Amino acid sequence: MTPIRKPSTALQWHPHYSATESAIIDMANSRQIALRIRLRNFYWLNECRPIGTTSLAMQRKKMVLIDPRDVMTEEEVKELLTDHYGFYSTPEGLIIPEMDEARVAAVGASEARSDRAGAGGRAKALKAKEMPQGTQPMPKMAVINDDDF
């Protein structure tokens, strides 16, 4: 039996629309762009669950661990976490509706591919099972010539 993978491991990519992204981040500084990318990746890999204050703090801390000079002001963070940059605040935490929609589509497509693959495997197994005993194809054997020795 094939182990069932969590969607976060099966869906290692998320849509990226360069024209849209460029328009959104034109007014952001490099720290804001980096944090936005980190939060979007974190959100996707955590199955689009709301980003809480602890997760936000951890993502900010990772940036500082990489470069201690990379400290964002609270004003920069507050500016980033707005609907202009795709973040919406809920009682549970930050959400990214655009990614929620993309994830629903991606999970549906992944499940459809998995179902098709499973159906193909089941069809092959059923065909082999239906063949009368002794009529199953024999594996090809290597031919050995006396000259080979």
Protein backbone atom coordinates (compact mmCIF):
# COMPACT_ATOMS: atom_id res chain seq x y z
CA MET A 1 0.00 0.00 0.00
CA THR A 2 1.34 3.42 -0.96
CA PRO A 3 1.66 5.79 2.01
CA ILE A 4 -0.64 8.81 1.87
CA ARG A 5 1.38 12.00 1.67
CA LYS A 6 0.23 15.20 3.27
CA PRO A 7 -0.68 17.83 0.69
CA SER A 8 2.18 20.00 1.93
CA THR A 9 4.70 17.41 0.74
CA ALA A 10 2.79 16.51 -2.41
CA LEU A 11 2.32 20.16 -3.40
CA GLN A 12 5.79 21.59 -3.18
CA TRP A 13 5.03 24.51 -5.49
CA HIS A 14 2.58 27.36 -5.56
CA PRO A 15 1.61 29.69 -8.38
CA HIS A 16 3.77 32.76 -8.90
CA TYR A 17 2.58 35.41 -11.32
CA SER A 18 5.50 37.69 -12.10
CA ALA A 19 3.46 40.63 -13.41
CA THR A 20 1.19 40.62 -10.37
CA GLU A 21 4.06 40.15 -7.94
CA SER A 22 6.04 42.95 -9.54
CA ALA A 23 3.12 45.36 -9.25
CA ILE A 24 2.52 44.41 -5.61
CA ILE A 25 6.10 44.70 -4.39
CA ASP A 26 7.13 47.81 -6.31
CA MET A 27 6.85 49.96 -3.21
CA ALA A 28 8.32 47.42 -0.74
CA ASN A 29 11.89 47.41 0.50
CA SER A 30 14.08 44.30 0.30
CA ARG A 31 13.32 43.23 3.88
CA GLN A 32 9.58 43.44 3.27
CA ILE A 33 9.92 41.44 0.05
CA ALA A 34 11.95 38.75 1.83
CA LEU A 35 9.47 38.50 4.72
CA ARG A 36 6.53 38.38 2.31
CA ILE A 37 8.12 35.49 0.40
CA ARG A 38 8.91 33.65 3.65
CA LEU A 39 5.36 34.07 4.93
CA ARG A 40 3.79 32.96 1.65
CA ASN A 41 5.98 29.81 1.54
CA PHE A 42 5.27 29.10 5.21
CA TYR A 43 1.53 29.52 4.60
CA TRP A 44 1.55 27.16 1.60
CA LEU A 45 3.65 24.46 3.28
CA ASN A 46 1.39 24.58 6.35
CA GLU A 47 -1.67 23.80 4.23
CA CYS A 48 -2.84 27.43 4.20
CA ARG A 49 -3.51 27.58 7.91
CA PRO A 50 -3.64 31.10 9.38
CA ILE A 51 -0.27 32.56 10.33
CA GLY A 52 -0.27 33.34 14.05
CA THR A 53 1.87 35.83 15.94
CA THR A 54 4.31 33.11 17.03
CA SER A 55 4.88 31.94 13.45
CA LEU A 56 5.32 35.53 12.29
CA ALA A 57 7.89 36.12 15.03
CA MET A 58 9.77 32.94 14.06
CA GLN A 59 9.94 33.99 10.40
CA ARG A 60 11.27 37.41 11.42
CA LYS A 61 13.80 35.79 13.75
CA LYS A 62 15.08 33.54 10.95
CA MET A 63 15.80 36.62 8.87
CA VAL A 64 17.82 38.15 11.71
CA LEU A 65 19.72 34.88 12.24
CA ILE A 66 20.79 34.95 8.60
CA ASP A 67 21.90 38.57 8.84
CA PRO A 68 21.86 40.36 12.23
CA ARG A 69 21.58 43.69 10.41
CA ASP A 70 18.34 42.55 8.80
CA VAL A 71 16.02 43.95 11.46
CA MET A 72 12.67 45.33 10.34
CA THR A 73 10.89 48.09 12.19
CA GLU A 74 7.39 47.41 13.48
CA GLU A 75 6.16 50.05 11.03
CA GLU A 76 7.69 48.13 8.08
CA VAL A 77 6.06 44.90 9.26
CA LYS A 78 2.71 46.61 9.85
CA GLU A 79 2.83 48.11 6.35
CA LEU A 80 3.60 44.70 4.83
CA LEU A 81 0.82 42.80 6.59
CA THR A 82 -1.97 44.60 4.72
CA ASP A 83 -4.35 43.65 1.96
CA HIS A 84 -2.18 45.51 -0.56
CA TYR A 85 0.47 42.81 -0.06
CA GLY A 86 -2.13 40.02 -0.01
CA PHE A 87 -2.44 39.50 3.76
CA TYR A 88 -5.78 39.68 5.56
CA SER A 89 -6.13 39.66 9.32
CA THR A 90 -8.62 37.28 10.97
CA PRO A 91 -9.11 36.35 14.65
CA GLU A 92 -7.10 33.14 13.96
CA GLY A 93 -4.22 34.98 12.29
CA LEU A 94 -3.13 36.17 8.87
CA ILE A 95 -4.58 34.53 5.78
CA ILE A 96 -3.77 34.83 2.08
CA PRO A 97 -7.04 34.23 0.17
CA GLU A 98 -5.31 34.07 -3.23
CA MET A 99 -3.22 31.13 -2.01
CA ASP A 100 -6.26 29.46 -0.43
CA GLU A 101 -7.92 29.41 -3.86
CA ALA A 102 -4.76 28.15 -5.57
CA ARG A 103 -4.38 25.39 -2.98
CA VAL A 104 -7.95 24.14 -3.48
CA ALA A 105 -7.29 23.90 -7.22
CA ALA A 106 -3.87 22.26 -6.74
CA VAL A 107 -5.15 19.69 -4.23
CA GLY A 108 -8.02 18.82 -6.58
CA ALA A 109 -5.64 18.37 -9.51
CA SER A 110 -3.23 16.30 -7.39
CA GLU A 111 -6.03 14.02 -6.18
CA ALA A 112 -7.30 13.58 -9.75
CA ARG A 113 -3.80 12.57 -10.92
CA SER A 114 -3.48 10.17 -8.00
CA ASP A 115 -6.87 8.63 -8.77
CA ARG A 116 -5.94 8.17 -12.44
CA ALA A 117 -2.62 6.59 -11.49
CA GLY A 118 -4.33 4.28 -9.01
CA ALA A 119 -6.92 3.28 -11.60
CA GLY A 120 -4.15 2.37 -14.03
CA GLY A 121 -2.41 0.22 -11.45
CA ARG A 122 -5.65 -1.50 -10.47
CA ALA A 123 -6.45 -2.22 -14.13
CA LYS A 124 -3.07 -3.88 -14.66
CA ALA A 125 -3.46 -5.98 -11.52
CA LEU A 126 -6.97 -7.03 -12.54
CA LYS A 127 -5.82 -7.97 -16.05
CA ALA A 128 -2.99 -10.10 -14.65
CA LYS A 129 -5.39 -11.76 -12.20
CA GLU A 130 -7.86 -12.63 -14.98
CA MET A 131 -5.28 -14.44 -17.12
CA PRO A 132 -5.55 -18.24 -16.83
CA GLN A 133 -2.80 -19.95 -14.90
CA GLY A 134 0.27 -20.63 -17.03
CA THR A 135 -0.60 -18.05 -19.69
CA GLN A 136 1.06 -15.11 -18.02
CA PRO A 137 3.94 -13.75 -20.06
CA MET A 138 7.35 -15.03 -19.07
CA PRO A 139 10.09 -12.51 -18.34
CA LYS A 140 12.69 -12.14 -21.07
CA MET A 141 15.82 -14.16 -20.38
CA ALA A 142 19.32 -13.21 -21.39
CA VAL A 143 20.81 -15.32 -24.17
CA ILE A 144 24.21 -16.76 -23.34
CA ASN A 145 26.40 -17.95 -26.18
CA ASP A 146 29.22 -20.47 -25.81
CA ASP A 147 31.51 -17.78 -27.23
CA ASP A 148 30.93 -15.67 -24.13
CA PHE A 149 33.06 -18.00 -21.98
